[in-house]
Amino acid sequence: MSAESTDEAGFIDEIVASVRRFVRDEVVPAETEIADTDAMPDRIRAAAAEMGLFGFAIPDLYGGLGLSMSDEVRLVFELGYTTPSFRSMFGTNNGIAGHVLLEGATEEQKKAYLPKIASGEWVASFALTEEGAGSDPAGLVTTARRDGDDWIINGSKRFITNAPNADVFMVFARSQEGSTGAKGISAFMVERGTPGLTVAPKDAKMGQAGAWTADVIFDDVRVGAHTLIGGPAGEGRGYVTAMKCLAHGRIHIAALCVGMCQRLVDESVSYASTRVQGGKVIGEHQLIQGLLADSVTDLYAARSLVKDVAAAFDDGSDRRVGPSAAKYFASEAVGRIADRAVQIHGGSGYMRGVPVERFYRDARLFRIYEGTSQIQQLVIARGVLSAAR
């Protein structure tokens, strides 16, 4: 290992360690406050920005930390240990929204906008999903029509993460009249406050309090030609850009699930080691041991899979099947572990204010966003069948 690589490894270790301390010392104690207020405290947001968390996946050339996918998953393992709303606050900046610029923008656009995203000056949203285009984004009907040097955007987006407090939206719209499916879709960068852009009231969700989503409506929103991601060459390439962003995002979400798996296992072990029933701690009962063993095995498997897939993403050998497999397995695994955690806690696990009850609701969303488990099954199967052909 060279001195340069050793220095880099030490730098990453230091980042991961500092985030681990911050999550466990500052964010975990604030979980009840976040759940009760459905909001992230300003002090935590400011600290996250100071630590560079709004730009950890953005290259240092544009003001970020420039983590590789392998380094990113190590960091996200730590972020996943607490309420998902903490990671959600800056997750789209690093993930699907920031990667729209990384994957599709011109160099001029990257230099102009990525530093604002990396610093946390801007909160970015990824506006792809629509009422009739969720699992199949190729079915989107939002339109972008040329008008001189400008574009006029009309349509609406649904369940858009961070929409209520976003400063900029990466908007996918059908820019070629008469196009269908994945063809003719372009991506635009639309700033908050642009006339005609309206953000609906935030959604009332089952879980993940503090992470806000909302519908976004575009009514004759006029934007300049400079907002077309990729410039003139980017017209019609929005769907390809979106799919690249989602591949990265699926590994990110898988790593987040691993972090929650670890927290749920820790909560389960702690409770099973201290809760007395029938004259002895419940951890001495073999049926409880079976639940713990299954959860620990799921955790080990998910963590190893995510690390392996991240390495393949970094070397370019697999950026399609692996990300879907990791997201599919890890999101399903955290659901199983959350269910067992509630079972181990018994009646207490069904009570509000107990962490495993909250995580049980929070975890359910992981099997839906960034592509449902069923979509991941299709991507995986079609990927291996295509390779065989």
Protein backbone atom coordinates (compact mmCIF):
# COMPACT_ATOMS: atom_id res chain seq x y z
CA MET A 1 0.00 0.00 0.00
CA SER A 2 1.43 3.38 -1.02
CA ALA A 3 1.79 6.31 1.36
CA GLU A 4 -0.90 8.12 -0.60
CA SER A 5 -3.39 5.25 -0.27
CA THR A 6 -2.51 4.87 3.41
CA ASP A 7 -3.23 8.57 3.99
CA GLU A 8 -6.52 8.23 2.14
CA ALA A 9 -7.53 5.18 4.18
CA GLY A 10 -6.74 7.06 7.37
CA PHE A 11 -8.82 10.01 6.19
CA ILE A 12 -11.81 7.75 5.51
CA ASP A 13 -11.40 5.98 8.86
CA GLU A 14 -11.44 9.34 10.60
CA ILE A 15 -14.60 10.46 8.79
CA VAL A 16 -16.43 7.21 9.59
CA ALA A 17 -15.36 7.35 13.24
CA SER A 18 -16.44 10.96 13.67
CA VAL A 19 -19.83 10.29 12.07
CA ARG A 20 -20.28 7.22 14.26
CA ARG A 21 -19.66 9.32 17.38
CA PHE A 22 -21.98 12.08 16.22
CA VAL A 23 -24.80 9.68 15.35
CA ARG A 24 -24.62 7.83 18.66
CA ASP A 25 -23.90 10.81 20.93
CA GLU A 26 -26.10 13.47 19.31
CA VAL A 27 -28.68 12.02 16.92
CA VAL A 28 -29.77 8.87 18.76
CA PRO A 29 -30.63 10.86 21.94
CA ALA A 30 -32.70 13.24 19.76
CA GLU A 31 -34.78 10.50 18.12
CA THR A 32 -37.82 11.04 20.34
CA GLU A 33 -37.69 14.80 19.75
CA ILE A 34 -37.49 14.24 16.00
CA ALA A 35 -40.40 11.77 16.06
CA ASP A 36 -42.59 14.01 18.22
CA THR A 37 -41.98 17.20 16.22
CA ASP A 38 -41.68 15.57 12.77
CA ALA A 39 -38.70 17.82 12.17
CA MET A 40 -34.91 17.72 12.25
CA PRO A 41 -33.44 20.14 14.84
CA ASP A 42 -31.50 23.02 13.35
CA ARG A 43 -28.49 22.17 15.51
CA ILE A 44 -28.23 18.73 13.93
CA ARG A 45 -28.61 20.08 10.41
CA ALA A 46 -25.90 22.67 11.00
CA ALA A 47 -23.54 20.07 12.44
CA ALA A 48 -24.16 17.71 9.49
CA ALA A 49 -23.30 20.50 7.05
CA GLU A 50 -20.16 21.36 9.02
CA MET A 51 -19.06 17.71 8.82
CA GLY A 52 -19.44 17.71 5.04
CA LEU A 53 -22.31 15.23 5.01
CA PHE A 54 -24.25 17.11 2.33
CA GLY A 55 -21.50 16.29 -0.15
CA PHE A 56 -19.74 13.09 0.90
CA ALA A 57 -20.41 11.40 -2.47
CA ILE A 58 -19.59 14.49 -4.55
CA PRO A 59 -16.00 14.76 -5.87
CA ASP A 60 -13.70 17.15 -4.02
CA LEU A 61 -13.29 19.06 -7.28
CA TYR A 62 -16.82 20.36 -6.67
CA GLY A 63 -16.55 20.85 -2.92
CA GLY A 64 -17.47 17.38 -1.67
CA LEU A 65 -15.59 14.64 0.15
CA GLY A 66 -15.32 12.47 -2.95
CA LEU A 67 -15.96 9.09 -1.32
CA SER A 68 -15.89 5.99 -3.48
CA MET A 69 -18.91 3.68 -3.34
CA SER A 70 -17.00 1.32 -1.02
CA ASP A 71 -16.17 4.17 1.33
CA GLU A 72 -19.68 5.58 1.06
CA VAL A 73 -21.33 2.37 2.25
CA ARG A 74 -19.07 2.31 5.32
CA LEU A 75 -20.26 5.81 6.15
CA VAL A 76 -23.91 5.01 5.46
CA PHE A 77 -23.74 1.96 7.73
CA GLU A 78 -23.22 4.51 10.52
CA LEU A 79 -25.94 6.87 9.29
CA GLY A 80 -28.43 4.00 9.23
CA TYR A 81 -28.00 3.36 12.95
CA THR A 82 -30.44 6.13 13.81
CA THR A 83 -33.70 7.56 12.47
CA PRO A 84 -33.74 7.47 8.64
CA SER A 85 -34.76 11.12 8.59
CA PHE A 86 -31.22 12.11 9.55
CA ARG A 87 -29.75 10.55 6.41
CA SER A 88 -32.71 11.74 4.33
CA MET A 89 -31.85 15.35 5.15
CA PHE A 90 -28.76 15.19 2.93
CA GLY A 91 -29.18 11.83 1.19
CA THR A 92 -30.64 13.16 -2.05
CA ASN A 93 -27.86 15.75 -2.32
CA ASN A 94 -25.34 12.91 -2.38
CA GLY A 95 -27.57 10.40 -4.12
CA ILE A 96 -30.19 10.55 -6.82
CA ALA A 97 -30.43 14.37 -7.04
CA GLY A 98 -26.73 15.21 -6.90
CA HIS A 99 -25.95 12.35 -9.26
CA VAL A 100 -28.22 13.83 -11.92
CA LEU A 101 -25.54 16.49 -12.28
CA LEU A 102 -22.64 14.06 -11.87
CA GLU A 103 -24.01 11.67 -14.48
CA GLY A 104 -25.62 14.02 -16.97
CA ALA A 105 -24.53 17.63 -16.59
CA THR A 106 -22.01 19.61 -18.59
CA GLU A 107 -18.77 20.54 -16.86
CA GLU A 108 -19.98 24.14 -16.69
CA GLN A 109 -23.18 23.04 -14.93
CA LYS A 110 -21.26 20.85 -12.48
CA LYS A 111 -18.93 23.67 -11.49
CA ALA A 112 -21.83 26.12 -11.11
CA TYR A 113 -24.21 24.00 -9.07
CA LEU A 114 -22.51 21.05 -7.35
CA PRO A 115 -20.62 23.20 -4.80
CA LYS A 116 -23.94 24.60 -3.57
CA ILE A 117 -25.29 21.07 -3.15
CA ALA A 118 -22.12 19.72 -1.53
CA SER A 119 -21.99 22.52 1.06
CA GLY A 120 -25.64 22.20 2.04
CA GLU A 121 -26.39 25.72 0.77
CA TRP A 122 -28.91 23.98 -1.48
CA VAL A 123 -31.14 21.04 -0.59
CA ALA A 124 -31.86 19.11 -3.78
CA SER A 125 -34.85 16.97 -4.72
CA PHE A 126 -35.19 14.25 -7.37
CA ALA A 127 -38.53 14.82 -9.13
CA LEU A 128 -39.16 11.67 -11.17
CA THR A 129 -42.13 9.80 -9.65
CA GLU A 130 -45.66 10.62 -10.79
CA GLU A 131 -49.10 9.31 -9.88
CA GLY A 132 -49.07 7.02 -12.92
CA ALA A 133 -45.31 6.56 -13.16
CA GLY A 134 -43.80 5.13 -10.01
CA SER A 135 -42.36 1.67 -10.52
CA ASP A 136 -42.31 2.40 -14.24
CA PRO A 137 -40.88 5.92 -14.61
CA ALA A 138 -40.90 5.54 -18.40
CA GLY A 139 -44.63 6.21 -18.16
CA LEU A 140 -44.22 9.79 -16.96
CA VAL A 141 -46.45 12.41 -18.60
CA THR A 142 -44.97 15.70 -17.33
CA THR A 143 -44.03 17.69 -20.41
CA ALA A 144 -41.37 20.22 -21.35
CA ARG A 145 -42.19 22.29 -24.47
CA ARG A 146 -39.79 24.58 -26.29
CA ASP A 147 -40.70 28.25 -26.44
CA GLY A 148 -37.93 30.17 -28.13
CA ASP A 149 -34.80 29.69 -26.04
CA ASP A 150 -36.86 28.60 -23.02
CA TRP A 151 -38.73 25.49 -21.94
CA ILE A 152 -42.26 25.41 -20.48
CA ILE A 153 -42.85 22.58 -17.98
CA ASN A 154 -46.30 21.26 -17.09
CA GLY A 155 -47.27 18.31 -14.90
CA SER A 156 -46.95 17.05 -11.36
CA LYS A 157 -44.68 14.80 -9.30
CA ARG A 158 -45.58 12.67 -6.29
CA PHE A 159 -43.87 11.60 -3.03
CA ILE A 160 -40.85 13.83 -3.68
CA THR A 161 -38.35 13.59 -0.82
CA ASN A 162 -37.32 16.94 0.72
CA ALA A 163 -39.74 18.82 -1.54
CA PRO A 164 -41.11 21.03 1.28
CA ASN A 165 -37.67 22.50 1.97
CA ALA A 166 -35.86 21.90 -1.33
CA ASP A 167 -34.00 24.74 -3.01
CA VAL A 168 -33.67 23.01 -6.37
CA PHE A 169 -35.52 20.21 -8.15
CA MET A 170 -34.10 17.81 -10.72
CA VAL A 171 -37.20 17.46 -12.89
CA PHE A 172 -37.76 14.75 -15.49
CA ALA A 173 -40.14 15.65 -18.29
CA ARG A 174 -41.10 14.41 -21.74
CA SER A 175 -39.42 16.92 -24.06
CA GLN A 176 -40.10 15.26 -27.40
CA GLU A 177 -43.74 15.45 -28.43
CA GLY A 178 -45.23 12.08 -29.28
CA SER A 179 -42.42 10.10 -27.65
CA THR A 180 -43.25 7.07 -25.53
CA GLY A 181 -41.51 4.90 -22.97
CA ALA A 182 -37.94 5.76 -22.08
CA LYS A 183 -37.39 7.86 -25.20
CA GLY A 184 -37.77 11.61 -25.33
CA ILE A 185 -37.31 12.28 -21.59
CA SER A 186 -35.03 15.12 -20.48
CA ALA A 187 -33.89 16.37 -17.09
CA PHE A 188 -34.11 20.00 -15.98
CA MET A 189 -32.86 21.85 -12.94
CA VAL A 190 -35.63 24.06 -11.57
CA GLU A 191 -34.99 26.37 -8.64
CA ARG A 192 -37.53 26.94 -5.88
CA GLY A 193 -39.45 30.17 -6.37
CA THR A 194 -39.68 29.80 -10.14
CA PRO A 195 -43.16 31.09 -11.11
CA GLY A 196 -45.63 28.26 -11.59
CA LEU A 197 -43.81 25.80 -9.32
CA THR A 198 -45.92 24.84 -6.29
CA VAL A 199 -45.08 22.44 -3.48
CA ALA A 200 -48.13 20.84 -1.87
CA PRO A 201 -48.45 20.34 1.91
CA LYS A 202 -46.14 17.64 3.24
CA ASP A 203 -47.42 14.07 3.22
CA ALA A 204 -48.62 12.30 6.37
CA LYS A 205 -46.64 9.04 6.37
CA MET A 206 -46.63 5.79 8.32
CA GLY A 207 -43.08 6.35 9.55
CA GLN A 208 -39.81 8.18 8.97
CA ALA A 209 -40.96 11.26 10.86
CA GLY A 210 -38.74 14.23 10.16
CA ALA A 211 -38.18 13.17 6.55
CA TRP A 212 -40.61 15.23 4.51
CA THR A 213 -42.17 14.35 1.16
CA ALA A 214 -44.76 16.18 -0.91
CA ASP A 215 -46.27 16.55 -4.36
CA VAL A 216 -44.76 19.15 -6.68
CA ILE A 217 -46.88 20.87 -9.34
CA PHE A 218 -45.59 22.57 -12.47
CA ASP A 219 -48.02 25.00 -14.13
CA ASP A 220 -46.42 26.66 -17.16
CA VAL A 221 -43.06 26.82 -15.41
CA ARG A 222 -40.69 28.69 -17.68
CA VAL A 223 -36.98 27.83 -17.41
CA GLY A 224 -34.01 28.88 -19.51
CA ALA A 225 -32.07 26.63 -21.87
CA HIS A 226 -29.20 26.56 -19.37
CA THR A 227 -31.34 24.44 -17.00
CA LEU A 228 -31.46 21.48 -19.41
CA ILE A 229 -29.12 18.94 -17.83
CA GLY A 230 -26.32 18.15 -20.26
CA GLY A 231 -27.10 21.12 -22.48
CA PRO A 232 -28.40 20.50 -26.02
CA ALA A 233 -26.71 17.08 -26.07
CA GLY A 234 -28.67 16.11 -22.95
CA GLU A 235 -32.07 16.43 -24.59
CA GLY A 236 -33.77 13.03 -24.60
CA ARG A 237 -31.16 11.44 -22.30
CA GLY A 238 -32.99 11.99 -19.03
CA TYR A 239 -34.14 8.40 -18.61
CA VAL A 240 -30.61 7.05 -19.02
CA THR A 241 -29.37 9.56 -16.45
CA ALA A 242 -32.15 8.60 -14.03
CA MET A 243 -31.30 4.90 -14.27
CA LYS A 244 -27.62 5.58 -13.53
CA CYS A 245 -28.61 7.65 -10.51
CA LEU A 246 -30.90 4.91 -9.23
CA ALA A 247 -28.16 2.25 -9.49
CA HIS A 248 -25.96 4.29 -7.15
CA GLY A 249 -28.95 5.10 -4.97
CA ARG A 250 -29.89 1.45 -4.55
CA ILE A 251 -26.52 0.58 -3.04
CA HIS A 252 -26.82 3.63 -0.79
CA ILE A 253 -30.25 2.52 0.45
CA ALA A 254 -28.98 -1.04 0.93
CA ALA A 255 -26.19 0.29 3.16
CA LEU A 256 -28.72 2.37 5.08
CA CYS A 257 -30.73 -0.81 5.70
CA VAL A 258 -27.61 -2.52 7.04
CA GLY A 259 -27.15 0.28 9.55
CA MET A 260 -30.72 -0.13 10.76
CA CYS A 261 -30.24 -3.92 10.89
CA GLN A 262 -27.33 -3.36 13.28
CA ARG A 263 -29.38 -1.02 15.50
CA LEU A 264 -32.28 -3.48 15.63
CA VAL A 265 -29.98 -6.36 16.51
CA ASP A 266 -28.38 -4.26 19.26
CA GLU A 267 -31.79 -3.29 20.66
CA SER A 268 -32.92 -6.93 20.55
CA VAL A 269 -29.80 -8.28 22.26
CA SER A 270 -29.95 -5.59 24.94
CA TYR A 271 -33.58 -6.32 25.73
CA ALA A 272 -33.15 -10.10 25.63
CA SER A 273 -30.19 -9.78 28.02
CA THR A 274 -32.08 -7.77 30.64
CA ARG A 275 -35.78 -8.60 30.42
CA VAL A 276 -36.73 -11.15 33.08
CA GLN A 277 -39.63 -13.53 32.51
CA GLY A 278 -40.35 -16.72 34.41
CA GLY A 279 -37.45 -16.16 36.75
CA LYS A 280 -34.72 -15.74 34.13
CA VAL A 281 -33.73 -13.36 31.35
CA ILE A 282 -35.61 -14.12 28.14
CA GLY A 283 -32.34 -14.49 26.24
CA GLU A 284 -31.89 -17.84 27.95
CA HIS A 285 -34.97 -19.21 26.19
CA GLN A 286 -34.04 -21.11 23.04
CA LEU A 287 -36.90 -19.69 20.97
CA ILE A 288 -35.66 -16.16 21.66
CA GLN A 289 -32.14 -17.32 20.78
CA GLY A 290 -33.48 -18.59 17.46
CA LEU A 291 -34.94 -15.17 16.65
CA LEU A 292 -31.64 -13.50 17.53
CA ALA A 293 -29.63 -15.99 15.49
CA ASP A 294 -31.78 -15.40 12.40
CA SER A 295 -31.44 -11.63 12.75
CA VAL A 296 -27.67 -11.71 13.23
CA THR A 297 -27.33 -13.97 10.18
CA ASP A 298 -29.44 -11.59 8.07
CA LEU A 299 -27.23 -8.71 9.25
CA TYR A 300 -24.00 -10.50 8.36
CA ALA A 301 -25.32 -11.49 4.94
CA ALA A 302 -26.62 -8.02 4.09
CA ARG A 303 -23.42 -6.27 5.18
CA SER A 304 -21.20 -8.62 3.18
CA LEU A 305 -23.40 -8.35 0.10
CA VAL A 306 -23.40 -4.55 0.17
CA LYS A 307 -19.62 -4.38 0.52
CA ASP A 308 -19.14 -6.79 -2.39
CA VAL A 309 -21.59 -4.95 -4.63
CA ALA A 310 -19.99 -1.58 -3.77
CA ALA A 311 -16.57 -2.91 -4.83
CA ALA A 312 -17.99 -4.12 -8.15
CA PHE A 313 -19.64 -0.72 -8.66
CA ASP A 314 -16.32 1.02 -8.08
CA ASP A 315 -14.41 -1.11 -10.58
CA GLY A 316 -17.25 -0.90 -13.11
CA SER A 317 -17.79 -4.66 -13.37
CA ASP A 318 -21.44 -4.54 -12.24
CA ARG A 319 -23.59 -1.43 -12.03
CA ARG A 320 -26.95 -3.03 -12.69
CA VAL A 321 -27.68 -6.47 -11.23
CA GLY A 322 -25.55 -6.07 -8.09
CA PRO A 323 -27.15 -2.80 -6.91
CA SER A 324 -30.62 -4.27 -7.34
CA ALA A 325 -29.65 -7.49 -5.54
CA ALA A 326 -28.19 -5.53 -2.63
CA LYS A 327 -31.19 -3.25 -2.33
CA TYR A 328 -33.62 -6.16 -2.64
CA PHE A 329 -31.94 -8.36 -0.03
CA ALA A 330 -31.05 -5.65 2.49
CA SER A 331 -34.47 -3.97 2.43
CA GLU A 332 -36.23 -7.30 2.88
CA ALA A 333 -33.75 -8.33 5.60
CA VAL A 334 -34.29 -5.19 7.67
CA GLY A 335 -38.03 -5.82 7.52
CA ARG A 336 -37.54 -9.33 8.87
CA ILE A 337 -35.18 -8.14 11.60
CA ALA A 338 -37.57 -5.35 12.61
CA ASP A 339 -40.41 -7.85 12.87
CA ARG A 340 -38.33 -10.16 15.06
CA ALA A 341 -37.23 -7.24 17.22
CA VAL A 342 -40.85 -6.35 17.97
CA GLN A 343 -41.55 -10.03 18.73
CA ILE A 344 -38.60 -10.25 21.12
CA HIS A 345 -39.85 -7.14 22.94
CA GLY A 346 -43.34 -8.63 23.23
CA GLY A 347 -46.04 -6.16 24.26
CA SER A 348 -43.44 -3.48 24.87
CA GLY A 349 -42.43 -3.67 21.22
CA TYR A 350 -45.90 -2.55 20.19
CA MET A 351 -45.80 0.61 22.30
CA ARG A 352 -45.02 4.08 20.93
CA GLY A 353 -41.80 5.48 22.33
CA VAL A 354 -39.95 2.17 22.11
CA PRO A 355 -37.27 2.36 19.38
CA VAL A 356 -38.09 -0.98 17.75
CA GLU A 357 -41.73 0.05 17.26
CA ARG A 358 -40.63 3.19 15.45
CA PHE A 359 -38.04 1.36 13.36
CA TYR A 360 -40.65 -1.27 12.45
CA ARG A 361 -42.67 1.49 10.74
CA ASP A 362 -39.60 3.25 9.35
CA ALA A 363 -38.21 0.09 7.74
CA ARG A 364 -41.34 -0.60 5.71
CA LEU A 365 -40.55 2.16 3.24
CA PHE A 366 -37.19 0.67 2.24
CA ARG A 367 -38.94 -2.06 0.23
CA ILE A 368 -40.77 0.59 -1.81
CA TYR A 369 -38.56 3.53 -2.76
CA GLU A 370 -35.61 3.47 -5.18
CA GLY A 371 -37.63 0.73 -6.91
CA THR A 372 -39.88 -1.76 -5.12
CA SER A 373 -38.68 -5.27 -4.27
CA GLN A 374 -40.70 -6.50 -7.24
CA ILE A 375 -38.91 -4.10 -9.61
CA GLN A 376 -35.57 -5.29 -8.23
CA GLN A 377 -36.60 -8.89 -8.99
CA LEU A 378 -37.27 -7.90 -12.59
CA VAL A 379 -33.97 -6.03 -12.94
CA ILE A 380 -32.01 -8.94 -11.48
CA ALA A 381 -33.70 -11.62 -13.58
CA ARG A 382 -33.59 -9.67 -16.82
CA GLY A 383 -29.96 -8.79 -16.20
CA VAL A 384 -28.79 -12.37 -15.83
CA LEU A 385 -30.99 -13.62 -18.68
CA SER A 386 -29.65 -10.89 -20.95
CA ALA A 387 -26.08 -11.86 -20.06
CA ALA A 388 -26.86 -15.51 -20.83
CA ARG A 389 -28.19 -14.56 -24.26
